[in-house]
N, C-alpha and C. Protein backbone atom coordinates (compact mmCIF):
# COMPACT_ATOMS: atom_id res chain seq x y z
N MET A 1 93.65 90.70 95.07
CA MET A 1 94.04 89.31 95.07
C MET A 1 93.38 88.63 93.87
N GLU A 2 94.15 87.88 93.11
CA GLU A 2 93.60 87.17 91.96
C GLU A 2 92.96 85.86 92.39
N ARG A 3 92.20 85.31 91.49
CA ARG A 3 91.47 84.07 91.74
C ARG A 3 92.39 82.94 92.17
N VAL A 4 93.51 82.77 91.49
CA VAL A 4 94.45 81.69 91.82
C VAL A 4 95.00 81.88 93.23
N GLU A 5 95.43 83.09 93.53
CA GLU A 5 95.98 83.38 94.85
C GLU A 5 94.93 83.14 95.94
N PHE A 6 93.68 83.57 95.70
CA PHE A 6 92.61 83.36 96.65
C PHE A 6 92.38 81.87 96.89
N ALA A 7 92.32 81.09 95.81
CA ALA A 7 92.10 79.65 95.93
C ALA A 7 93.23 78.98 96.70
N LEU A 8 94.46 79.31 96.37
CA LEU A 8 95.60 78.69 97.06
C LEU A 8 95.61 79.03 98.54
N LYS A 9 95.14 80.20 98.89
CA LYS A 9 95.10 80.62 100.29
C LYS A 9 93.94 79.95 101.04
N ASN A 10 92.84 79.66 100.36
CA ASN A 10 91.63 79.22 101.05
C ASN A 10 91.28 77.75 100.89
N LEU A 11 92.04 77.01 100.14
CA LEU A 11 91.84 75.57 100.02
C LEU A 11 92.85 74.87 100.93
N ASN A 12 92.51 73.66 101.37
CA ASN A 12 93.45 72.89 102.19
C ASN A 12 93.04 71.44 102.20
N GLY A 13 93.95 70.60 102.70
CA GLY A 13 93.67 69.18 102.87
C GLY A 13 93.45 68.45 101.56
N LYS A 14 92.48 67.57 101.58
CA LYS A 14 92.11 66.79 100.40
C LYS A 14 91.15 67.65 99.58
N ILE A 15 91.53 67.94 98.31
CA ILE A 15 90.83 68.92 97.49
C ILE A 15 90.22 68.29 96.25
N LEU A 16 88.96 68.63 95.99
CA LEU A 16 88.28 68.23 94.76
C LEU A 16 88.16 69.46 93.87
N ASP A 17 88.73 69.37 92.66
CA ASP A 17 88.64 70.43 91.66
C ASP A 17 87.59 70.01 90.64
N VAL A 18 86.46 70.70 90.66
CA VAL A 18 85.32 70.36 89.80
C VAL A 18 85.45 71.14 88.49
N GLY A 19 85.53 70.42 87.37
CA GLY A 19 85.75 71.05 86.07
C GLY A 19 87.22 71.40 85.89
N TYR A 20 88.10 70.53 86.32
CA TYR A 20 89.53 70.80 86.43
C TYR A 20 90.27 70.94 85.11
N SER A 21 89.73 70.47 84.00
CA SER A 21 90.52 70.36 82.77
C SER A 21 90.74 71.65 82.01
N VAL A 22 90.02 72.72 82.33
CA VAL A 22 90.15 73.98 81.59
C VAL A 22 90.98 74.96 82.41
N GLY A 23 91.97 75.58 81.76
CA GLY A 23 92.81 76.56 82.45
C GLY A 23 93.97 75.90 83.16
N GLY A 24 94.82 76.71 83.77
CA GLY A 24 96.03 76.19 84.39
C GLY A 24 96.02 76.13 85.89
N ILE A 25 94.92 76.46 86.54
CA ILE A 25 94.89 76.54 87.99
C ILE A 25 95.08 75.16 88.65
N HIS A 26 94.62 74.11 87.99
CA HIS A 26 94.74 72.76 88.55
C HIS A 26 96.21 72.40 88.82
N GLN A 27 97.08 72.75 87.90
CA GLN A 27 98.51 72.46 88.07
C GLN A 27 99.07 73.20 89.28
N LYS A 28 98.58 74.41 89.54
CA LYS A 28 99.01 75.17 90.72
C LYS A 28 98.61 74.44 92.01
N PHE A 29 97.42 73.81 92.00
CA PHE A 29 96.99 73.04 93.18
C PHE A 29 97.93 71.87 93.42
N ILE A 30 98.29 71.16 92.35
CA ILE A 30 99.20 70.02 92.48
C ILE A 30 100.55 70.48 93.03
N GLU A 31 101.06 71.59 92.50
CA GLU A 31 102.35 72.11 92.95
C GLU A 31 102.33 72.47 94.44
N LYS A 32 101.24 73.08 94.92
CA LYS A 32 101.20 73.51 96.31
C LYS A 32 100.83 72.39 97.28
N PHE A 33 99.84 71.58 96.92
CA PHE A 33 99.28 70.61 97.87
C PHE A 33 99.73 69.17 97.65
N GLY A 34 100.39 68.89 96.53
CA GLY A 34 100.85 67.53 96.23
C GLY A 34 99.81 66.74 95.45
N LYS A 35 100.27 65.97 94.50
CA LYS A 35 99.40 65.20 93.61
C LYS A 35 98.47 64.26 94.37
N GLU A 36 98.93 63.73 95.50
CA GLU A 36 98.13 62.77 96.26
C GLU A 36 96.92 63.42 96.94
N ASN A 37 96.92 64.74 97.09
CA ASN A 37 95.81 65.44 97.75
C ASN A 37 94.82 66.09 96.78
N ILE A 38 95.08 65.97 95.49
CA ILE A 38 94.25 66.65 94.49
C ILE A 38 93.46 65.62 93.69
N PHE A 39 92.16 65.88 93.62
CA PHE A 39 91.23 65.02 92.89
C PHE A 39 90.46 65.92 91.92
N GLY A 40 89.92 65.32 90.87
CA GLY A 40 89.18 66.12 89.91
C GLY A 40 88.09 65.35 89.22
N ILE A 41 87.03 66.10 88.88
CA ILE A 41 86.00 65.55 88.01
C ILE A 41 85.78 66.54 86.88
N ASP A 42 85.44 65.98 85.71
CA ASP A 42 85.18 66.82 84.55
C ASP A 42 84.49 65.95 83.51
N ILE A 43 83.62 66.55 82.75
CA ILE A 43 82.97 65.79 81.67
C ILE A 43 83.93 65.53 80.52
N GLU A 44 85.10 66.17 80.53
CA GLU A 44 86.11 65.98 79.49
C GLU A 44 87.15 64.90 79.85
N THR A 45 87.11 64.37 81.06
CA THR A 45 88.08 63.36 81.48
C THR A 45 87.97 62.12 80.59
N LYS A 46 89.09 61.69 80.07
CA LYS A 46 89.10 60.56 79.13
C LYS A 46 89.18 59.21 79.84
N LYS A 47 89.96 59.14 80.93
CA LYS A 47 90.19 57.86 81.60
C LYS A 47 90.00 58.05 83.10
N ASN A 48 89.16 57.23 83.69
CA ASN A 48 88.96 57.28 85.15
C ASN A 48 90.15 56.67 85.87
N THR A 49 90.57 57.36 86.95
CA THR A 49 91.61 56.85 87.84
C THR A 49 91.08 57.02 89.26
N SER A 50 91.88 56.70 90.25
CA SER A 50 91.41 56.89 91.62
C SER A 50 91.24 58.37 91.95
N ASN A 51 92.01 59.24 91.32
CA ASN A 51 91.93 60.67 91.60
C ASN A 51 91.10 61.46 90.59
N TYR A 52 90.87 60.93 89.41
CA TYR A 52 90.18 61.68 88.36
C TYR A 52 89.05 60.86 87.75
N LYS A 53 87.89 61.51 87.65
CA LYS A 53 86.69 60.82 87.16
C LYS A 53 86.02 61.63 86.06
N ASN A 54 85.48 60.93 85.08
CA ASN A 54 84.61 61.54 84.09
C ASN A 54 83.23 61.63 84.74
N ALA A 55 82.83 62.85 85.09
CA ALA A 55 81.57 63.02 85.80
C ALA A 55 81.09 64.45 85.70
N SER A 56 79.81 64.60 85.92
CA SER A 56 79.19 65.92 85.96
C SER A 56 79.27 66.48 87.37
N ALA A 57 79.31 67.80 87.48
CA ALA A 57 79.29 68.47 88.79
C ALA A 57 77.97 68.23 89.50
N GLU A 58 76.96 67.83 88.77
CA GLU A 58 75.64 67.61 89.34
C GLU A 58 75.49 66.21 89.93
N LYS A 59 76.50 65.35 89.75
CA LYS A 59 76.51 64.00 90.33
C LYS A 59 77.97 63.60 90.56
N ILE A 60 78.49 63.97 91.71
CA ILE A 60 79.90 63.77 92.03
C ILE A 60 80.13 62.33 92.54
N PRO A 61 81.02 61.57 91.86
CA PRO A 61 81.22 60.15 92.19
C PRO A 61 82.23 59.89 93.31
N PHE A 62 82.10 60.62 94.41
CA PHE A 62 82.95 60.39 95.57
C PHE A 62 82.06 60.25 96.79
N GLU A 63 82.65 59.74 97.88
CA GLU A 63 81.91 59.43 99.10
C GLU A 63 81.53 60.70 99.88
N GLU A 64 80.56 60.54 100.78
CA GLU A 64 80.17 61.63 101.68
C GLU A 64 81.34 62.00 102.58
N ASN A 65 81.43 63.28 102.91
CA ASN A 65 82.42 63.79 103.86
C ASN A 65 83.86 63.40 103.49
N GLU A 66 84.16 63.36 102.21
CA GLU A 66 85.48 62.90 101.77
C GLU A 66 86.50 64.02 101.61
N PHE A 67 86.05 65.25 101.38
CA PHE A 67 86.97 66.33 101.03
C PHE A 67 86.97 67.45 102.06
N ASP A 68 88.16 68.05 102.22
CA ASP A 68 88.31 69.23 103.07
C ASP A 68 87.94 70.49 102.29
N SER A 69 88.13 70.44 100.98
CA SER A 69 87.87 71.60 100.13
C SER A 69 87.35 71.16 98.76
N VAL A 70 86.50 72.01 98.20
CA VAL A 70 86.02 71.83 96.82
C VAL A 70 86.24 73.15 96.11
N PHE A 71 86.79 73.08 94.90
CA PHE A 71 87.00 74.26 94.08
C PHE A 71 86.17 74.14 92.81
N ALA A 72 85.46 75.22 92.45
CA ALA A 72 84.67 75.27 91.22
C ALA A 72 84.90 76.64 90.58
N GLY A 73 85.88 76.73 89.72
CA GLY A 73 86.21 77.99 89.05
C GLY A 73 85.53 78.10 87.72
N GLU A 74 84.72 79.15 87.57
CA GLU A 74 84.02 79.41 86.30
C GLU A 74 83.24 78.17 85.86
N LEU A 75 82.47 77.63 86.77
CA LEU A 75 81.73 76.39 86.51
C LEU A 75 80.23 76.54 86.69
N ILE A 76 79.79 77.10 87.79
CA ILE A 76 78.38 77.07 88.16
C ILE A 76 77.48 77.71 87.10
N GLU A 77 78.01 78.70 86.40
CA GLU A 77 77.21 79.37 85.37
C GLU A 77 76.94 78.48 84.15
N HIS A 78 77.67 77.38 84.04
CA HIS A 78 77.50 76.44 82.92
C HIS A 78 76.55 75.28 83.23
N LEU A 79 76.03 75.24 84.44
CA LEU A 79 75.21 74.10 84.86
C LEU A 79 73.72 74.36 84.69
N GLU A 80 73.03 73.35 84.20
CA GLU A 80 71.57 73.45 84.08
C GLU A 80 70.90 73.47 85.44
N LYS A 81 71.46 72.72 86.38
CA LYS A 81 70.88 72.62 87.72
C LYS A 81 71.97 72.90 88.77
N PRO A 82 72.32 74.17 88.95
CA PRO A 82 73.38 74.49 89.91
C PRO A 82 73.06 74.04 91.33
N GLU A 83 71.79 73.94 91.65
CA GLU A 83 71.41 73.48 92.99
C GLU A 83 71.86 72.04 93.23
N LEU A 84 71.87 71.21 92.18
CA LEU A 84 72.36 69.84 92.33
C LEU A 84 73.86 69.83 92.63
N PHE A 85 74.59 70.72 91.99
CA PHE A 85 76.03 70.82 92.28
C PHE A 85 76.25 71.21 93.73
N LEU A 86 75.53 72.21 94.23
CA LEU A 86 75.73 72.65 95.60
C LEU A 86 75.32 71.58 96.60
N LYS A 87 74.28 70.84 96.28
CA LYS A 87 73.87 69.71 97.13
C LYS A 87 74.98 68.65 97.17
N GLU A 88 75.56 68.37 96.01
CA GLU A 88 76.66 67.40 95.93
C GLU A 88 77.92 67.91 96.62
N ALA A 89 78.24 69.19 96.44
CA ALA A 89 79.41 69.76 97.10
C ALA A 89 79.26 69.64 98.61
N ASN A 90 78.07 69.93 99.11
CA ASN A 90 77.81 69.80 100.54
C ASN A 90 77.99 68.34 100.98
N ARG A 91 77.51 67.43 100.18
CA ARG A 91 77.57 66.00 100.52
C ARG A 91 79.01 65.52 100.63
N VAL A 92 79.88 65.91 99.69
CA VAL A 92 81.25 65.39 99.69
C VAL A 92 82.20 66.16 100.61
N LEU A 93 81.78 67.35 101.06
CA LEU A 93 82.61 68.12 101.98
C LEU A 93 82.47 67.61 103.41
N LYS A 94 83.59 67.65 104.14
CA LYS A 94 83.55 67.39 105.58
C LYS A 94 82.94 68.60 106.26
N LYS A 95 82.45 68.42 107.49
CA LYS A 95 81.92 69.55 108.24
C LYS A 95 83.03 70.59 108.39
N ASN A 96 82.67 71.84 108.21
CA ASN A 96 83.58 72.99 108.21
C ASN A 96 84.52 73.01 107.00
N GLY A 97 84.25 72.14 106.01
CA GLY A 97 85.01 72.17 104.77
C GLY A 97 84.66 73.39 103.95
N SER A 98 85.55 73.75 103.04
CA SER A 98 85.38 74.98 102.26
C SER A 98 85.05 74.71 100.80
N LEU A 99 84.12 75.50 100.29
CA LEU A 99 83.83 75.55 98.86
C LEU A 99 84.30 76.91 98.37
N VAL A 100 85.21 76.91 97.40
CA VAL A 100 85.65 78.15 96.77
C VAL A 100 85.12 78.11 95.35
N LEU A 101 84.34 79.14 95.00
CA LEU A 101 83.83 79.19 93.63
C LEU A 101 83.96 80.59 93.06
N THR A 102 84.09 80.63 91.75
CA THR A 102 84.14 81.89 91.03
C THR A 102 83.10 81.83 89.92
N THR A 103 82.49 82.99 89.66
CA THR A 103 81.45 83.05 88.63
C THR A 103 81.21 84.51 88.26
N PRO A 104 80.74 84.78 87.05
CA PRO A 104 80.44 86.16 86.69
C PRO A 104 79.28 86.72 87.52
N ASN A 105 79.32 88.00 87.77
CA ASN A 105 78.25 88.71 88.45
C ASN A 105 77.24 89.18 87.41
N ARG A 106 76.08 88.59 87.42
CA ARG A 106 75.04 88.91 86.44
C ARG A 106 74.71 90.41 86.43
N LYS A 107 74.78 91.05 87.58
CA LYS A 107 74.41 92.46 87.70
C LYS A 107 75.58 93.42 87.52
N SER A 108 76.72 92.92 87.05
CA SER A 108 77.86 93.81 86.86
C SER A 108 77.53 94.87 85.81
N LEU A 109 78.18 96.00 85.92
CA LEU A 109 77.95 97.07 84.96
C LEU A 109 78.30 96.63 83.55
N VAL A 110 79.40 95.91 83.41
CA VAL A 110 79.81 95.43 82.08
C VAL A 110 78.73 94.55 81.47
N ASN A 111 78.16 93.65 82.26
CA ASN A 111 77.11 92.79 81.72
C ASN A 111 75.84 93.58 81.43
N ARG A 112 75.50 94.53 82.27
CA ARG A 112 74.30 95.34 82.03
C ARG A 112 74.40 96.09 80.71
N ILE A 113 75.59 96.58 80.40
CA ILE A 113 75.77 97.36 79.17
C ILE A 113 75.96 96.46 77.95
N PHE A 114 76.87 95.49 78.05
CA PHE A 114 77.26 94.70 76.88
C PHE A 114 76.63 93.32 76.80
N LYS A 115 75.96 92.87 77.87
CA LYS A 115 75.38 91.51 77.92
C LYS A 115 76.44 90.47 77.62
N SER A 116 77.67 90.74 78.07
CA SER A 116 78.80 89.88 77.72
C SER A 116 78.76 88.50 78.36
N TYR A 117 78.03 88.32 79.44
CA TYR A 117 77.94 87.00 80.07
C TYR A 117 76.77 86.20 79.54
N GLU A 118 75.86 86.86 78.91
CA GLU A 118 74.62 86.20 78.48
C GLU A 118 74.84 85.54 77.12
N THR A 119 75.47 84.38 77.21
CA THR A 119 75.79 83.59 76.03
C THR A 119 75.13 82.22 76.17
N PRO A 120 75.03 81.47 75.09
CA PRO A 120 74.41 80.14 75.18
C PRO A 120 75.07 79.19 76.18
N ILE A 121 76.36 79.39 76.47
CA ILE A 121 77.03 78.48 77.42
C ILE A 121 76.85 78.91 78.87
N HIS A 122 76.35 80.10 79.11
CA HIS A 122 76.06 80.57 80.47
C HIS A 122 74.58 80.38 80.75
N ILE A 123 74.27 79.28 81.37
CA ILE A 123 72.89 78.86 81.61
C ILE A 123 72.36 79.40 82.93
N SER A 124 73.23 79.52 83.93
CA SER A 124 72.82 79.89 85.29
C SER A 124 73.67 81.05 85.82
N LEU A 125 73.24 82.25 85.53
CA LEU A 125 73.95 83.43 86.02
C LEU A 125 73.31 83.93 87.30
N PHE A 126 74.15 84.47 88.20
CA PHE A 126 73.69 84.95 89.51
C PHE A 126 74.24 86.33 89.79
N ASN A 127 73.54 87.07 90.66
CA ASN A 127 74.16 88.20 91.33
C ASN A 127 74.50 87.69 92.73
N TYR A 128 75.18 88.52 93.54
CA TYR A 128 75.62 88.03 94.84
C TYR A 128 74.47 87.61 95.76
N PRO A 129 73.42 88.41 95.95
CA PRO A 129 72.34 87.96 96.85
C PRO A 129 71.72 86.62 96.43
N GLN A 130 71.56 86.41 95.13
CA GLN A 130 71.00 85.14 94.66
C GLN A 130 71.94 83.98 94.96
N LEU A 131 73.22 84.18 94.73
CA LEU A 131 74.20 83.13 94.98
C LEU A 131 74.29 82.81 96.47
N GLU A 132 74.33 83.84 97.29
CA GLU A 132 74.40 83.63 98.74
C GLU A 132 73.18 82.86 99.24
N LYS A 133 72.01 83.21 98.76
CA LYS A 133 70.77 82.52 99.16
C LYS A 133 70.81 81.04 98.76
N LEU A 134 71.28 80.76 97.55
CA LEU A 134 71.38 79.38 97.09
C LEU A 134 72.40 78.59 97.91
N LEU A 135 73.53 79.19 98.21
CA LEU A 135 74.53 78.52 99.04
C LEU A 135 73.96 78.19 100.41
N GLU A 136 73.28 79.14 101.02
CA GLU A 136 72.70 78.93 102.35
C GLU A 136 71.65 77.82 102.35
N LYS A 137 70.93 77.70 101.25
CA LYS A 137 69.92 76.63 101.13
C LYS A 137 70.58 75.26 101.30
N TYR A 138 71.85 75.14 100.90
CA TYR A 138 72.57 73.87 100.98
C TYR A 138 73.60 73.87 102.10
N ASN A 139 73.32 74.64 103.16
CA ASN A 139 74.14 74.67 104.38
C ASN A 139 75.58 75.08 104.13
N LEU A 140 75.75 76.01 103.20
CA LEU A 140 77.07 76.56 102.90
C LEU A 140 77.03 78.06 103.22
N LYS A 141 77.73 78.44 104.27
CA LYS A 141 77.70 79.83 104.74
C LYS A 141 78.87 80.60 104.16
N VAL A 142 78.57 81.74 103.54
CA VAL A 142 79.62 82.56 102.94
C VAL A 142 80.50 83.12 104.06
N GLU A 143 81.78 82.85 103.93
CA GLU A 143 82.77 83.34 104.89
C GLU A 143 83.56 84.51 104.30
N GLU A 144 83.82 84.45 103.00
CA GLU A 144 84.53 85.53 102.31
C GLU A 144 83.90 85.74 100.94
N PHE A 145 83.83 87.02 100.55
CA PHE A 145 83.30 87.37 99.25
C PHE A 145 84.00 88.63 98.76
N TYR A 146 84.44 88.58 97.54
CA TYR A 146 84.94 89.80 96.92
C TYR A 146 84.82 89.65 95.41
N CYS A 147 85.12 90.73 94.71
CA CYS A 147 85.06 90.73 93.25
C CYS A 147 86.40 91.17 92.69
N GLN A 148 86.66 90.74 91.48
CA GLN A 148 87.85 91.17 90.77
C GLN A 148 87.47 91.44 89.33
N PRO A 149 88.25 92.25 88.63
CA PRO A 149 87.96 92.44 87.21
C PRO A 149 88.32 91.18 86.45
N TYR A 150 87.69 90.97 85.31
CA TYR A 150 88.07 89.84 84.48
C TYR A 150 89.47 90.04 83.94
N THR A 151 90.18 88.94 83.87
CA THR A 151 91.53 88.93 83.31
C THR A 151 91.60 87.73 82.36
N ASN A 152 92.68 87.64 81.65
CA ASN A 152 92.89 86.50 80.77
C ASN A 152 92.88 85.20 81.57
N GLU A 153 93.41 85.23 82.80
CA GLU A 153 93.50 84.03 83.63
C GLU A 153 92.13 83.44 83.96
N ASN A 154 91.14 84.27 84.23
CA ASN A 154 89.84 83.71 84.59
C ASN A 154 88.83 83.78 83.46
N CYS A 155 89.27 84.16 82.32
CA CYS A 155 88.37 84.24 81.17
C CYS A 155 88.98 83.44 80.02
N TYR A 156 89.41 82.24 80.34
CA TYR A 156 90.07 81.35 79.38
C TYR A 156 89.21 81.22 78.12
N GLY A 157 89.79 81.52 76.98
CA GLY A 157 89.06 81.37 75.72
C GLY A 157 88.29 82.60 75.29
N SER A 158 88.35 83.69 76.03
CA SER A 158 87.61 84.90 75.67
C SER A 158 88.10 85.46 74.35
N ARG A 159 87.15 85.97 73.57
CA ARG A 159 87.51 86.62 72.31
C ARG A 159 87.68 88.12 72.50
N ASN A 160 87.37 88.64 73.68
CA ASN A 160 87.43 90.08 73.92
C ASN A 160 88.55 90.47 74.86
N LYS A 161 89.73 89.93 74.66
CA LYS A 161 90.85 90.20 75.55
C LYS A 161 91.25 91.68 75.54
N TRP A 162 90.96 92.37 74.48
CA TRP A 162 91.27 93.80 74.39
C TRP A 162 90.56 94.60 75.47
N SER A 163 89.46 94.08 75.97
CA SER A 163 88.65 94.83 76.94
C SER A 163 89.15 94.72 78.38
N PHE A 164 90.13 93.85 78.65
CA PHE A 164 90.56 93.62 80.02
C PHE A 164 91.12 94.88 80.69
N LEU A 165 91.89 95.68 79.96
CA LEU A 165 92.45 96.89 80.55
C LEU A 165 91.34 97.86 80.96
N PHE A 166 90.38 98.08 80.08
CA PHE A 166 89.24 98.95 80.40
C PHE A 166 88.48 98.41 81.61
N ARG A 167 88.23 97.13 81.62
CA ARG A 167 87.48 96.51 82.71
C ARG A 167 88.21 96.66 84.04
N LYS A 168 89.52 96.53 84.00
CA LYS A 168 90.30 96.68 85.23
C LYS A 168 90.24 98.12 85.74
N LEU A 169 90.30 99.07 84.83
CA LEU A 169 90.26 100.47 85.22
C LEU A 169 88.94 100.85 85.89
N ILE A 170 87.83 100.41 85.32
CA ILE A 170 86.54 100.81 85.91
C ILE A 170 86.17 99.99 87.15
N HIS A 171 86.76 98.83 87.29
CA HIS A 171 86.45 97.94 88.41
C HIS A 171 86.55 98.65 89.76
N TYR A 172 87.63 99.35 89.97
CA TYR A 172 87.89 99.95 91.27
C TYR A 172 87.06 101.21 91.52
N LEU A 173 86.36 101.69 90.51
CA LEU A 173 85.48 102.85 90.66
C LEU A 173 84.05 102.44 91.00
N LEU A 174 83.75 101.18 90.85
CA LEU A 174 82.38 100.69 91.01
C LEU A 174 82.12 100.13 92.40
N PRO A 175 80.88 100.21 92.87
CA PRO A 175 80.53 99.48 94.09
C PRO A 175 80.57 97.98 93.81
N LYS A 176 80.76 97.19 94.85
CA LYS A 176 80.90 95.74 94.70
C LYS A 176 79.74 95.13 93.91
N SER A 177 78.53 95.64 94.10
CA SER A 177 77.36 95.07 93.42
C SER A 177 77.44 95.21 91.91
N LEU A 178 78.29 96.11 91.40
CA LEU A 178 78.42 96.31 89.95
C LEU A 178 79.74 95.79 89.39
N GLN A 179 80.57 95.19 90.25
CA GLN A 179 81.84 94.64 89.77
C GLN A 179 81.60 93.29 89.10
N GLU A 180 82.61 92.79 88.41
CA GLU A 180 82.41 91.64 87.52
C GLU A 180 82.52 90.25 88.12
N GLN A 181 83.70 89.84 88.46
CA GLN A 181 83.98 88.46 88.81
C GLN A 181 83.75 88.22 90.30
N MET A 182 82.77 87.40 90.65
CA MET A 182 82.53 87.08 92.06
C MET A 182 83.40 85.90 92.48
N ILE A 183 84.00 86.05 93.66
CA ILE A 183 84.82 85.00 94.22
C ILE A 183 84.32 84.77 95.64
N VAL A 184 83.94 83.53 95.93
CA VAL A 184 83.27 83.22 97.20
C VAL A 184 83.95 82.04 97.86
N LYS A 185 84.11 82.17 99.19
CA LYS A 185 84.49 81.03 100.00
C LYS A 185 83.32 80.78 100.95
N ALA A 186 82.73 79.59 100.85
CA ALA A 186 81.63 79.21 101.72
C ALA A 186 82.05 77.98 102.52
N VAL A 187 81.56 77.89 103.74
CA VAL A 187 81.93 76.81 104.64
C VAL A 187 80.70 75.96 104.95
N LYS A 188 80.89 74.63 104.92
CA LYS A 188 79.80 73.71 105.25
C LYS A 188 79.52 73.78 106.75
N ILE A 189 78.27 74.13 107.09
CA ILE A 189 77.94 74.30 108.51
C ILE A 189 77.19 73.10 109.10
N LYS A 190 76.66 72.22 108.29
CA LYS A 190 75.98 71.02 108.80
C LYS A 190 76.41 69.80 108.02
């Protein structure tokens, strides 16, 4: 299952897309859930509206318990203080609301060999146990977790697109702890 398919299956209700301006997944949310149910924040937003705000993931400008779902695709690794984002995601989610996030696996075989994720824009890299522990700290319990190989869809702007075929081939031979792209659905428990 690809990241887009996973998100469409696991998001519902009133949805906040954090960092919505990069990639095409946001348009898929609008198509499936309707424009009136989709909200977004991004530091690239030019004009604030009722549904879209220029804001950081570390300080979300919406009310407590406002959203049924929060999506953060390829975002958490770019944050200086990912714990502030998770605290904010918990705050804006309704009880039993879902957070779907995707991020590179720091301990993937590809990263261990090529250090491909360790770039100046990746400030906060995690492996699965670290990410799960951080989510739990903010009352977000992992309900689903899996990995997928990197593709053009989730690696928007990559200069190494030639490597996707190789990465896909080795992905299925590796244990989950060494696979690349982590995809998590966590549920707010308090």
